Amino acid sequence: MNLKIWFVSFLLVVTLPVGAASEQTDSTLEARDIDAQFLPDMEITRISWRNIQSTDGQLIDELKMATYEVHRSSTMFQPGFDRESTLIASDISACYATDSNEECSGKGHTLEYYPPPGNVNVRFIHYAIVTILRDGTVTDPVNLGVSQTPPGHVEDTAPIQSPQDFTATYNASNRSTHLSWRPACTG
């Protein structure tokens, strides 16, 4: 019986999350708490994340010189993924050089992204944040729920429905403008 209690206690200790402790000393400066919300009325996805929280002055100084890239894909990201084909935003400063250490630690970021039009009920879109250190080192651990969105994100965008062959003609003698177009084809 004592062996069972010891074994269960050991398993509990081993499986305890160590995120907060590792965040304090994470030299990869991996983005944290990524979230993506699709706003259907505006057909926009709002991606948010934050910096690591640390009191380590050296890490915060590194963070002040680091930048982020935001990536989007229909498949889950793996470390070392092809960054060029999935990049939607880059050169996002983790902090400003004038930020205090307290302002930089845990600082939040938000990016608004317009998904391509005509994607009806697109499921399993993944977003990931990659950190670029000042020496150019790319850190892309893309851990689910940390710097990569978990599965299940859905984006539903309408096709483009704008006029085609739009022309404008200005008549100087009567100071009027004539606009003409034909309706968009619905495919």
N, C-alpha and C. Protein backbone atom coordinates (compact mmCIF):
# COMPACT_ATOMS: atom_id res chain seq x y z
N MET A 1 0.82 -1.19 0.00
CA MET A 1 0.00 0.00 0.00
C MET A 1 0.87 1.26 0.00
N ASN A 2 1.91 1.27 0.85
CA ASN A 2 2.81 2.43 0.90
C ASN A 2 3.51 2.63 -0.43
N LEU A 3 3.82 1.54 -1.10
CA LEU A 3 4.48 1.64 -2.40
C LEU A 3 3.55 2.30 -3.42
N LYS A 4 2.25 1.98 -3.37
CA LYS A 4 1.28 2.59 -4.29
C LYS A 4 1.17 4.08 -4.02
N ILE A 5 1.10 4.46 -2.76
CA ILE A 5 0.99 5.88 -2.41
C ILE A 5 2.25 6.62 -2.87
N TRP A 6 3.41 6.01 -2.63
CA TRP A 6 4.65 6.64 -3.06
C TRP A 6 4.68 6.79 -4.58
N PHE A 7 4.26 5.75 -5.30
CA PHE A 7 4.27 5.78 -6.76
C PHE A 7 3.33 6.86 -7.30
N VAL A 8 2.12 6.95 -6.76
CA VAL A 8 1.16 7.97 -7.19
C VAL A 8 1.71 9.36 -6.88
N SER A 9 2.29 9.53 -5.71
CA SER A 9 2.88 10.82 -5.34
C SER A 9 4.01 11.19 -6.30
N PHE A 10 4.83 10.21 -6.63
CA PHE A 10 5.92 10.44 -7.56
C PHE A 10 5.39 10.88 -8.93
N LEU A 11 4.35 10.20 -9.42
CA LEU A 11 3.76 10.57 -10.71
C LEU A 11 3.20 11.98 -10.69
N LEU A 12 2.56 12.36 -9.60
CA LEU A 12 2.01 13.71 -9.49
C LEU A 12 3.11 14.76 -9.56
N VAL A 13 4.19 14.52 -8.88
CA VAL A 13 5.30 15.47 -8.88
C VAL A 13 5.94 15.55 -10.26
N VAL A 14 6.11 14.41 -10.91
CA VAL A 14 6.75 14.38 -12.22
C VAL A 14 5.89 15.06 -13.28
N THR A 15 4.57 14.95 -13.18
CA THR A 15 3.69 15.50 -14.21
C THR A 15 3.24 16.92 -13.92
N LEU A 16 3.71 17.53 -12.85
CA LEU A 16 3.33 18.92 -12.58
C LEU A 16 3.87 19.82 -13.68
N PRO A 17 3.08 20.81 -14.10
CA PRO A 17 3.57 21.70 -15.15
C PRO A 17 4.74 22.54 -14.63
N VAL A 18 5.69 22.76 -15.51
CA VAL A 18 6.85 23.56 -15.13
C VAL A 18 6.95 24.81 -16.00
N GLY A 19 5.84 25.21 -16.61
CA GLY A 19 5.85 26.35 -17.52
C GLY A 19 6.34 27.63 -16.88
N ALA A 20 5.87 27.97 -15.69
CA ALA A 20 6.27 29.23 -15.08
C ALA A 20 7.75 29.25 -14.77
N ALA A 21 8.27 28.15 -14.26
CA ALA A 21 9.70 28.09 -13.95
C ALA A 21 10.53 28.18 -15.22
N SER A 22 10.15 27.45 -16.26
CA SER A 22 10.94 27.47 -17.48
C SER A 22 10.81 28.82 -18.19
N GLU A 23 9.68 29.49 -18.02
CA GLU A 23 9.49 30.79 -18.65
C GLU A 23 10.48 31.82 -18.09
N GLN A 24 10.78 31.72 -16.82
CA GLN A 24 11.73 32.65 -16.18
C GLN A 24 13.11 32.59 -16.81
N THR A 25 13.47 31.43 -17.33
CA THR A 25 14.84 31.23 -17.84
C THR A 25 14.88 30.81 -19.30
N ASP A 26 13.80 31.02 -20.04
CA ASP A 26 13.70 30.55 -21.43
C ASP A 26 14.52 31.45 -22.36
N SER A 27 15.70 31.01 -22.73
CA SER A 27 16.57 31.82 -23.59
C SER A 27 16.10 31.82 -25.05
N THR A 28 15.12 30.97 -25.41
CA THR A 28 14.57 31.02 -26.77
C THR A 28 13.60 32.18 -26.92
N LEU A 29 13.16 32.75 -25.80
CA LEU A 29 12.20 33.86 -25.78
C LEU A 29 10.91 33.51 -26.51
N GLU A 30 10.52 32.24 -26.44
CA GLU A 30 9.31 31.77 -27.12
C GLU A 30 8.10 32.59 -26.67
N ALA A 31 7.30 33.04 -27.64
CA ALA A 31 6.07 33.76 -27.34
C ALA A 31 5.16 32.88 -26.48
N ARG A 32 4.28 33.49 -25.72
CA ARG A 32 3.41 32.75 -24.80
C ARG A 32 1.94 33.11 -25.03
N ASP A 33 1.10 32.17 -24.63
CA ASP A 33 -0.36 32.38 -24.57
C ASP A 33 -0.96 32.86 -25.89
N ILE A 34 -0.56 32.26 -27.00
CA ILE A 34 -1.13 32.66 -28.29
C ILE A 34 -2.62 32.35 -28.31
N ASP A 35 -3.35 33.23 -28.96
CA ASP A 35 -4.79 33.04 -29.12
C ASP A 35 -5.19 33.65 -30.46
N ALA A 36 -6.09 33.01 -31.17
CA ALA A 36 -6.60 33.54 -32.43
C ALA A 36 -8.12 33.51 -32.37
N GLN A 37 -8.72 34.65 -32.63
CA GLN A 37 -10.18 34.75 -32.64
C GLN A 37 -10.63 35.30 -33.98
N PHE A 38 -11.51 34.56 -34.65
CA PHE A 38 -12.08 35.03 -35.90
C PHE A 38 -13.32 35.84 -35.59
N LEU A 39 -13.37 37.07 -36.10
CA LEU A 39 -14.52 37.95 -35.90
C LEU A 39 -15.34 37.95 -37.18
N PRO A 40 -16.43 37.18 -37.23
CA PRO A 40 -17.16 36.98 -38.49
C PRO A 40 -17.79 38.25 -39.06
N ASP A 41 -18.21 39.18 -38.22
CA ASP A 41 -18.84 40.39 -38.75
C ASP A 41 -17.86 41.27 -39.51
N MET A 42 -16.57 41.19 -39.18
CA MET A 42 -15.55 41.96 -39.87
C MET A 42 -14.67 41.09 -40.76
N GLU A 43 -14.86 39.77 -40.70
CA GLU A 43 -14.05 38.80 -41.44
C GLU A 43 -12.56 39.05 -41.21
N ILE A 44 -12.21 39.10 -39.95
CA ILE A 44 -10.84 39.36 -39.55
C ILE A 44 -10.47 38.39 -38.43
N THR A 45 -9.21 37.99 -38.39
CA THR A 45 -8.72 37.17 -37.29
C THR A 45 -7.79 38.02 -36.44
N ARG A 46 -8.06 38.05 -35.15
CA ARG A 46 -7.24 38.80 -34.19
C ARG A 46 -6.34 37.79 -33.47
N ILE A 47 -5.04 37.93 -33.68
CA ILE A 47 -4.06 37.04 -33.07
C ILE A 47 -3.38 37.80 -31.94
N SER A 48 -3.35 37.20 -30.77
CA SER A 48 -2.70 37.86 -29.63
C SER A 48 -1.74 36.89 -28.95
N TRP A 49 -0.71 37.45 -28.35
CA TRP A 49 0.28 36.68 -27.60
C TRP A 49 1.00 37.64 -26.67
N ARG A 50 1.88 37.10 -25.86
CA ARG A 50 2.66 37.94 -24.96
C ARG A 50 4.11 37.47 -24.91
N ASN A 51 4.95 38.35 -24.39
CA ASN A 51 6.36 38.01 -24.15
C ASN A 51 6.46 37.08 -22.95
N ILE A 52 7.62 36.47 -22.79
CA ILE A 52 7.88 35.71 -21.57
C ILE A 52 7.83 36.66 -20.38
N GLN A 53 7.51 36.12 -19.22
CA GLN A 53 7.57 36.89 -17.99
C GLN A 53 8.82 36.46 -17.25
N SER A 54 9.70 37.41 -17.02
CA SER A 54 10.96 37.08 -16.37
C SER A 54 11.49 38.28 -15.62
N THR A 55 12.24 38.01 -14.58
CA THR A 55 12.94 39.07 -13.86
C THR A 55 14.44 39.04 -14.18
N ASP A 56 14.83 38.16 -15.08
CA ASP A 56 16.23 38.03 -15.48
C ASP A 56 16.57 39.20 -16.42
N GLY A 57 17.39 40.12 -15.95
CA GLY A 57 17.74 41.30 -16.72
C GLY A 57 18.38 40.99 -18.06
N GLN A 58 19.20 39.95 -18.12
CA GLN A 58 19.86 39.58 -19.37
C GLN A 58 18.83 39.10 -20.40
N LEU A 59 17.86 38.29 -19.96
CA LEU A 59 16.80 37.83 -20.88
C LEU A 59 15.96 39.00 -21.38
N ILE A 60 15.64 39.92 -20.47
CA ILE A 60 14.83 41.08 -20.87
C ILE A 60 15.61 41.94 -21.87
N ASP A 61 16.91 42.12 -21.66
CA ASP A 61 17.72 42.87 -22.63
C ASP A 61 17.70 42.18 -23.99
N GLU A 62 17.78 40.85 -24.01
CA GLU A 62 17.68 40.11 -25.27
C GLU A 62 16.31 40.31 -25.91
N LEU A 63 15.28 40.31 -25.07
CA LEU A 63 13.91 40.48 -25.55
C LEU A 63 13.73 41.85 -26.20
N LYS A 64 14.39 42.86 -25.67
CA LYS A 64 14.28 44.21 -26.22
C LYS A 64 14.87 44.31 -27.63
N MET A 65 15.69 43.35 -28.01
CA MET A 65 16.29 43.36 -29.34
C MET A 65 15.73 42.26 -30.24
N ALA A 66 14.76 41.52 -29.75
CA ALA A 66 14.17 40.41 -30.52
C ALA A 66 12.95 40.90 -31.30
N THR A 67 12.63 40.17 -32.36
CA THR A 67 11.42 40.45 -33.13
C THR A 67 10.62 39.16 -33.28
N TYR A 68 9.36 39.34 -33.67
CA TYR A 68 8.48 38.20 -33.89
C TYR A 68 8.06 38.13 -35.35
N GLU A 69 7.77 36.92 -35.79
CA GLU A 69 7.10 36.66 -37.06
C GLU A 69 5.80 35.93 -36.74
N VAL A 70 4.77 36.19 -37.53
CA VAL A 70 3.49 35.49 -37.37
C VAL A 70 3.28 34.65 -38.62
N HIS A 71 2.89 33.39 -38.42
CA HIS A 71 2.71 32.44 -39.52
C HIS A 71 1.32 31.85 -39.47
N ARG A 72 0.81 31.47 -40.66
CA ARG A 72 -0.53 30.88 -40.79
C ARG A 72 -0.43 29.68 -41.72
N SER A 73 -1.10 28.58 -41.33
CA SER A 73 -1.06 27.37 -42.14
C SER A 73 -2.31 26.53 -41.90
N SER A 74 -2.64 25.69 -42.86
CA SER A 74 -3.76 24.76 -42.68
C SER A 74 -3.31 23.46 -42.02
N THR A 75 -2.01 23.34 -41.76
CA THR A 75 -1.49 22.17 -41.06
C THR A 75 -0.73 22.64 -39.82
N MET A 76 -0.60 21.73 -38.87
CA MET A 76 0.14 22.07 -37.65
C MET A 76 1.59 22.37 -37.98
N PHE A 77 2.15 23.30 -37.24
CA PHE A 77 3.56 23.66 -37.41
C PHE A 77 4.44 22.69 -36.64
N GLN A 78 5.60 22.41 -37.19
CA GLN A 78 6.63 21.60 -36.54
C GLN A 78 7.90 22.44 -36.51
N PRO A 79 8.77 22.24 -35.52
CA PRO A 79 10.03 22.99 -35.51
C PRO A 79 10.77 22.84 -36.84
N GLY A 80 11.31 23.95 -37.34
CA GLY A 80 12.04 23.93 -38.61
C GLY A 80 11.14 24.02 -39.83
N PHE A 81 9.88 24.41 -39.67
CA PHE A 81 8.94 24.49 -40.80
C PHE A 81 9.39 25.54 -41.81
N ASP A 82 8.81 25.48 -43.02
CA ASP A 82 9.13 26.42 -44.10
C ASP A 82 8.50 27.77 -43.77
N ARG A 83 9.31 28.71 -43.30
CA ARG A 83 8.80 30.00 -42.85
C ARG A 83 8.34 30.89 -43.99
N GLU A 84 8.97 30.78 -45.16
CA GLU A 84 8.64 31.68 -46.26
C GLU A 84 7.21 31.50 -46.76
N SER A 85 6.74 30.28 -46.83
CA SER A 85 5.43 30.02 -47.42
C SER A 85 4.27 30.29 -46.46
N THR A 86 4.55 30.50 -45.19
CA THR A 86 3.47 30.69 -44.21
C THR A 86 3.49 32.06 -43.54
N LEU A 87 4.46 32.89 -43.87
CA LEU A 87 4.64 34.19 -43.21
C LEU A 87 3.51 35.16 -43.55
N ILE A 88 2.90 35.76 -42.52
CA ILE A 88 1.89 36.80 -42.76
C ILE A 88 2.30 38.15 -42.15
N ALA A 89 3.26 38.15 -41.22
CA ALA A 89 3.75 39.40 -40.63
C ALA A 89 5.14 39.16 -40.06
N SER A 90 5.98 40.20 -40.12
CA SER A 90 7.35 40.04 -39.60
C SER A 90 7.82 41.36 -38.99
N ASP A 91 8.99 41.31 -38.38
CA ASP A 91 9.63 42.48 -37.77
C ASP A 91 8.76 43.16 -36.72
N ILE A 92 8.05 42.37 -35.95
CA ILE A 92 7.24 42.90 -34.85
C ILE A 92 8.14 42.93 -33.61
N SER A 93 8.44 44.11 -33.12
CA SER A 93 9.34 44.24 -31.97
C SER A 93 8.72 43.62 -30.74
N ALA A 94 9.51 42.81 -30.04
CA ALA A 94 9.03 42.22 -28.79
C ALA A 94 8.85 43.32 -27.74
N CYS A 95 9.76 44.27 -27.72
CA CYS A 95 9.72 45.41 -26.81
C CYS A 95 10.40 46.58 -27.50
N TYR A 96 10.19 47.75 -26.96
CA TYR A 96 10.93 48.91 -27.41
C TYR A 96 12.16 49.06 -26.53
N ALA A 97 13.21 49.62 -27.08
CA ALA A 97 14.44 49.82 -26.30
C ALA A 97 14.18 50.71 -25.09
N THR A 98 13.17 51.57 -25.19
CA THR A 98 12.86 52.49 -24.09
C THR A 98 11.94 51.86 -23.04
N ASP A 99 11.42 50.65 -23.30
CA ASP A 99 10.57 49.98 -22.31
C ASP A 99 11.39 49.63 -21.08
N SER A 100 10.79 49.79 -19.92
CA SER A 100 11.44 49.31 -18.71
C SER A 100 11.37 47.78 -18.70
N ASN A 101 12.17 47.16 -17.85
CA ASN A 101 12.13 45.70 -17.75
C ASN A 101 10.74 45.22 -17.38
N GLU A 102 10.07 45.95 -16.49
CA GLU A 102 8.72 45.56 -16.07
C GLU A 102 7.73 45.67 -17.22
N GLU A 103 7.87 46.68 -18.08
CA GLU A 103 6.98 46.84 -19.23
C GLU A 103 7.23 45.75 -20.27
N CYS A 104 8.47 45.37 -20.43
CA CYS A 104 8.85 44.38 -21.45
C CYS A 104 8.45 42.96 -21.03
N SER A 105 8.62 42.64 -19.77
CA SER A 105 8.29 41.31 -19.26
C SER A 105 6.79 41.08 -19.35
N GLY A 106 6.37 40.10 -20.13
CA GLY A 106 4.96 39.77 -20.25
C GLY A 106 4.16 40.70 -21.14
N LYS A 107 4.82 41.59 -21.87
CA LYS A 107 4.13 42.57 -22.73
C LYS A 107 3.26 41.86 -23.76
N GLY A 108 2.04 42.35 -23.94
CA GLY A 108 1.11 41.75 -24.88
C GLY A 108 1.21 42.34 -26.28
N HIS A 109 0.86 41.53 -27.27
CA HIS A 109 0.88 41.94 -28.68
C HIS A 109 -0.41 41.47 -29.34
N THR A 110 -0.87 42.25 -30.32
CA THR A 110 -2.07 41.89 -31.08
C THR A 110 -1.83 42.21 -32.55
N LEU A 111 -2.24 41.30 -33.41
CA LEU A 111 -2.16 41.49 -34.85
C LEU A 111 -3.52 41.16 -35.44
N GLU A 112 -4.00 42.02 -36.34
CA GLU A 112 -5.25 41.73 -37.05
C GLU A 112 -4.90 41.31 -38.47
N TYR A 113 -5.47 40.17 -38.87
CA TYR A 113 -5.16 39.59 -40.18
C TYR A 113 -6.46 39.31 -40.92
N TYR A 114 -6.51 39.72 -42.19
CA TYR A 114 -7.67 39.46 -43.03
C TYR A 114 -7.43 38.17 -43.81
N PRO A 115 -8.12 37.08 -43.45
CA PRO A 115 -7.96 35.83 -44.20
C PRO A 115 -8.41 36.01 -45.65
N PRO A 116 -7.93 35.18 -46.56
CA PRO A 116 -8.32 35.30 -47.96
C PRO A 116 -9.84 35.17 -48.13
N PRO A 117 -10.42 35.92 -49.08
CA PRO A 117 -11.86 35.85 -49.30
C PRO A 117 -12.26 34.52 -49.94
N GLY A 118 -13.51 34.16 -49.74
CA GLY A 118 -14.06 32.97 -50.38
C GLY A 118 -13.72 31.67 -49.71
N ASN A 119 -13.25 31.72 -48.49
CA ASN A 119 -12.95 30.50 -47.74
C ASN A 119 -14.11 30.21 -46.80
N VAL A 120 -15.04 29.40 -47.25
CA VAL A 120 -16.23 29.11 -46.47
C VAL A 120 -15.95 27.93 -45.54
N ASN A 121 -16.14 28.18 -44.25
CA ASN A 121 -16.03 27.14 -43.22
C ASN A 121 -14.67 26.43 -43.26
N VAL A 122 -13.60 27.20 -43.38
CA VAL A 122 -12.26 26.63 -43.39
C VAL A 122 -11.88 26.28 -41.96
N ARG A 123 -11.60 25.01 -41.74
CA ARG A 123 -11.31 24.52 -40.39
C ARG A 123 -9.83 24.21 -40.24
N PHE A 124 -9.44 24.15 -38.99
CA PHE A 124 -8.09 23.74 -38.63
C PHE A 124 -7.01 24.66 -39.20
N ILE A 125 -7.23 25.94 -39.04
CA ILE A 125 -6.20 26.92 -39.37
C ILE A 125 -5.32 27.07 -38.14
N HIS A 126 -4.03 27.07 -38.35
CA HIS A 126 -3.07 27.21 -37.25
C HIS A 126 -2.28 28.51 -37.42
N TYR A 127 -2.06 29.18 -36.32
CA TYR A 127 -1.19 30.35 -36.28
C TYR A 127 -0.03 30.04 -35.35
N ALA A 128 1.14 30.56 -35.69
CA ALA A 128 2.33 30.35 -34.85
C ALA A 128 3.15 31.63 -34.80
N ILE A 129 3.80 31.82 -33.67
CA ILE A 129 4.69 32.96 -33.47
C ILE A 129 6.12 32.42 -33.39
N VAL A 130 7.00 33.00 -34.18
CA VAL A 130 8.41 32.63 -34.19
C VAL A 130 9.20 33.83 -33.67
N THR A 131 10.19 33.56 -32.84
CA THR A 131 11.03 34.62 -32.30
C THR A 131 12.36 34.66 -33.06
N ILE A 132 12.76 35.86 -33.45
CA ILE A 132 14.05 36.06 -34.10
C ILE A 132 14.92 36.83 -33.10
N LEU A 133 16.00 36.20 -32.66
CA LEU A 133 16.90 36.84 -31.71
C LEU A 133 17.77 37.88 -32.41
N ARG A 134 18.42 38.73 -31.64
CA ARG A 134 19.19 39.83 -32.24
C ARG A 134 20.32 39.34 -33.15
N ASP A 135 20.85 38.15 -32.89
CA ASP A 135 21.93 37.63 -33.74
C ASP A 135 21.40 36.89 -34.97
N GLY A 136 20.07 36.94 -35.17
CA GLY A 136 19.45 36.30 -36.33
C GLY A 136 19.01 34.87 -36.09
N THR A 137 19.29 34.35 -34.91
CA THR A 137 18.87 32.99 -34.58
C THR A 137 17.35 32.92 -34.57
N VAL A 138 16.81 31.92 -35.25
CA VAL A 138 15.36 31.70 -35.29
C VAL A 138 15.00 30.67 -34.25
N THR A 139 14.08 31.01 -33.37
CA THR A 139 13.60 30.03 -32.38
C THR A 139 12.16 29.71 -32.72
N ASP A 140 11.93 28.50 -33.14
CA ASP A 140 10.60 28.09 -33.58
C ASP A 140 10.14 26.79 -32.94
N PRO A 141 10.10 26.72 -31.60
CA PRO A 141 9.61 25.48 -30.98
C PRO A 141 8.12 25.25 -31.23
N VAL A 142 7.38 26.29 -31.54
CA VAL A 142 5.94 26.26 -31.87
C VAL A 142 5.16 25.24 -31.03
N ASN A 143 5.27 25.37 -29.73
CA ASN A 143 4.53 24.49 -28.83
C ASN A 143 3.05 24.85 -28.84
N LEU A 144 2.20 23.83 -28.93
CA LEU A 144 0.75 24.04 -28.95
C LEU A 144 0.29 24.75 -27.69
N GLY A 145 -0.53 25.77 -27.86
CA GLY A 145 -1.07 26.51 -26.73
C GLY A 145 -0.09 27.48 -26.13
N VAL A 146 1.14 27.47 -26.60
CA VAL A 146 2.17 28.39 -26.10
C VAL A 146 2.46 29.41 -27.20
N SER A 147 3.09 28.96 -28.28
CA SER A 147 3.36 29.85 -29.41
C SER A 147 2.68 29.37 -30.69
N GLN A 148 1.82 28.37 -30.59
CA GLN A 148 1.01 27.88 -31.71
C GLN A 148 -0.41 27.65 -31.23
N THR A 149 -1.37 28.09 -32.04
CA THR A 149 -2.77 27.90 -31.65
C THR A 149 -3.13 26.43 -31.68
N PRO A 150 -3.97 26.00 -30.75
CA PRO A 150 -4.41 24.61 -30.77
C PRO A 150 -5.35 24.36 -31.95
N PRO A 151 -5.58 23.10 -32.32
CA PRO A 151 -6.48 22.78 -33.44
C PRO A 151 -7.89 23.28 -33.18
N GLY A 152 -8.62 23.52 -34.27
CA GLY A 152 -10.03 23.85 -34.16
C GLY A 152 -10.38 25.27 -34.56
N HIS A 153 -9.40 26.10 -34.90
CA HIS A 153 -9.70 27.48 -35.31
C HIS A 153 -10.39 27.45 -36.67
N VAL A 154 -11.52 28.16 -36.79
CA VAL A 154 -12.32 28.18 -38.01
C VAL A 154 -12.40 29.60 -38.55
N GLU A 155 -12.24 29.76 -39.85
CA GLU A 155 -12.41 31.05 -40.52
C GLU A 155 -13.39 30.87 -41.67
N ASP A 156 -14.35 31.77 -41.77
CA ASP A 156 -15.40 31.68 -42.78
C ASP A 156 -15.52 33.04 -43.45
N THR A 157 -14.98 33.18 -44.66
CA THR A 157 -15.00 34.46 -45.36
C THR A 157 -15.78 34.36 -46.66
N ALA A 158 -16.52 35.41 -46.95
CA ALA A 158 -17.34 35.45 -48.16
C ALA A 158 -16.45 35.71 -49.38
N PRO A 159 -16.91 35.26 -50.55
CA PRO A 159 -16.16 35.58 -51.77
C PRO A 159 -16.26 37.07 -52.08
N ILE A 160 -15.34 37.56 -52.88
CA ILE A 160 -15.38 38.98 -53.28
C ILE A 160 -16.62 39.21 -54.13
N GLN A 161 -17.36 40.24 -53.80
CA GLN A 161 -18.56 40.58 -54.55
C GLN A 161 -18.54 42.06 -54.89
N SER A 162 -17.58 42.45 -55.68
CA SER A 162 -17.45 43.85 -56.06
C SER A 162 -17.71 43.99 -57.55
N PRO A 163 -18.02 45.18 -57.99
CA PRO A 163 -18.27 45.38 -59.42
C PRO A 163 -17.01 45.12 -60.24
N GLN A 164 -17.24 44.75 -61.49
CA GLN A 164 -16.12 44.53 -62.41
C GLN A 164 -16.20 45.56 -63.52
N ASP A 165 -15.09 45.78 -64.19
CA ASP A 165 -15.01 46.76 -65.29
C ASP A 165 -15.53 48.12 -64.86
N PHE A 166 -15.11 48.56 -63.71
CA PHE A 166 -15.55 49.85 -63.19
C PHE A 166 -14.83 50.97 -63.95
N THR A 167 -15.61 51.93 -64.47
CA THR A 167 -15.02 53.09 -65.15
C THR A 167 -15.69 54.35 -64.66
N ALA A 168 -14.95 55.43 -64.73
CA ALA A 168 -15.48 56.75 -64.37
C ALA A 168 -15.09 57.73 -65.46
N THR A 169 -16.06 58.51 -65.90
CA THR A 169 -15.82 59.50 -66.93
C THR A 169 -16.30 60.85 -66.42
N TYR A 170 -15.43 61.84 -66.49
CA TYR A 170 -15.79 63.18 -66.03
C TYR A 170 -16.08 64.06 -67.23
N ASN A 171 -17.23 64.75 -67.20
CA ASN A 171 -17.63 65.68 -68.24
C ASN A 171 -17.42 67.08 -67.70
N ALA A 172 -16.41 67.78 -68.23
CA ALA A 172 -16.06 69.11 -67.71
C ALA A 172 -17.11 70.16 -68.06
N SER A 173 -17.81 70.00 -69.20
CA SER A 173 -18.77 71.03 -69.60
C SER A 173 -19.96 71.11 -68.63
N ASN A 174 -20.43 70.00 -68.15
CA ASN A 174 -21.55 70.07 -67.19
C ASN A 174 -21.12 69.65 -65.79
N ARG A 175 -19.82 69.50 -65.58
CA ARG A 175 -19.23 69.15 -64.28
C ARG A 175 -19.93 67.95 -63.63
N SER A 176 -19.97 66.88 -64.37
CA SER A 176 -20.58 65.65 -63.83
C SER A 176 -19.66 64.46 -64.09
N THR A 177 -19.82 63.47 -63.27
CA THR A 177 -19.04 62.24 -63.41
C THR A 177 -20.01 61.10 -63.68
N HIS A 178 -19.71 60.31 -64.68
CA HIS A 178 -20.55 59.16 -65.00
C HIS A 178 -19.77 57.90 -64.60
N LEU A 179 -20.38 57.07 -63.75
CA LEU A 179 -19.79 55.82 -63.30
C LEU A 179 -20.50 54.66 -63.97
N SER A 180 -19.74 53.67 -64.40
CA SER A 180 -20.38 52.48 -64.98
C SER A 180 -19.59 51.25 -64.55
N TRP A 181 -20.31 50.15 -64.48
CA TRP A 181 -19.71 48.87 -64.10
C TRP A 181 -20.68 47.76 -64.45
N ARG A 182 -20.17 46.55 -64.35
CA ARG A 182 -21.06 45.40 -64.47
C ARG A 182 -20.94 44.61 -63.17
N PRO A 183 -22.00 43.96 -62.76
CA PRO A 183 -21.97 43.22 -61.49
C PRO A 183 -20.94 42.09 -61.55
N ALA A 184 -20.45 41.75 -60.40
CA ALA A 184 -19.50 40.64 -60.31
C ALA A 184 -20.19 39.34 -60.66
N CYS A 185 -19.48 38.49 -61.36
CA CYS A 185 -20.01 37.16 -61.64
C CYS A 185 -19.92 36.32 -60.36
N THR A 186 -20.93 35.54 -60.10
CA THR A 186 -20.94 34.76 -58.86
C THR A 186 -20.36 33.37 -59.07
N GLY A 187 -19.69 33.14 -60.15
CA GLY A 187 -18.95 31.91 -60.34
C GLY A 187 -19.74 30.87 -60.97
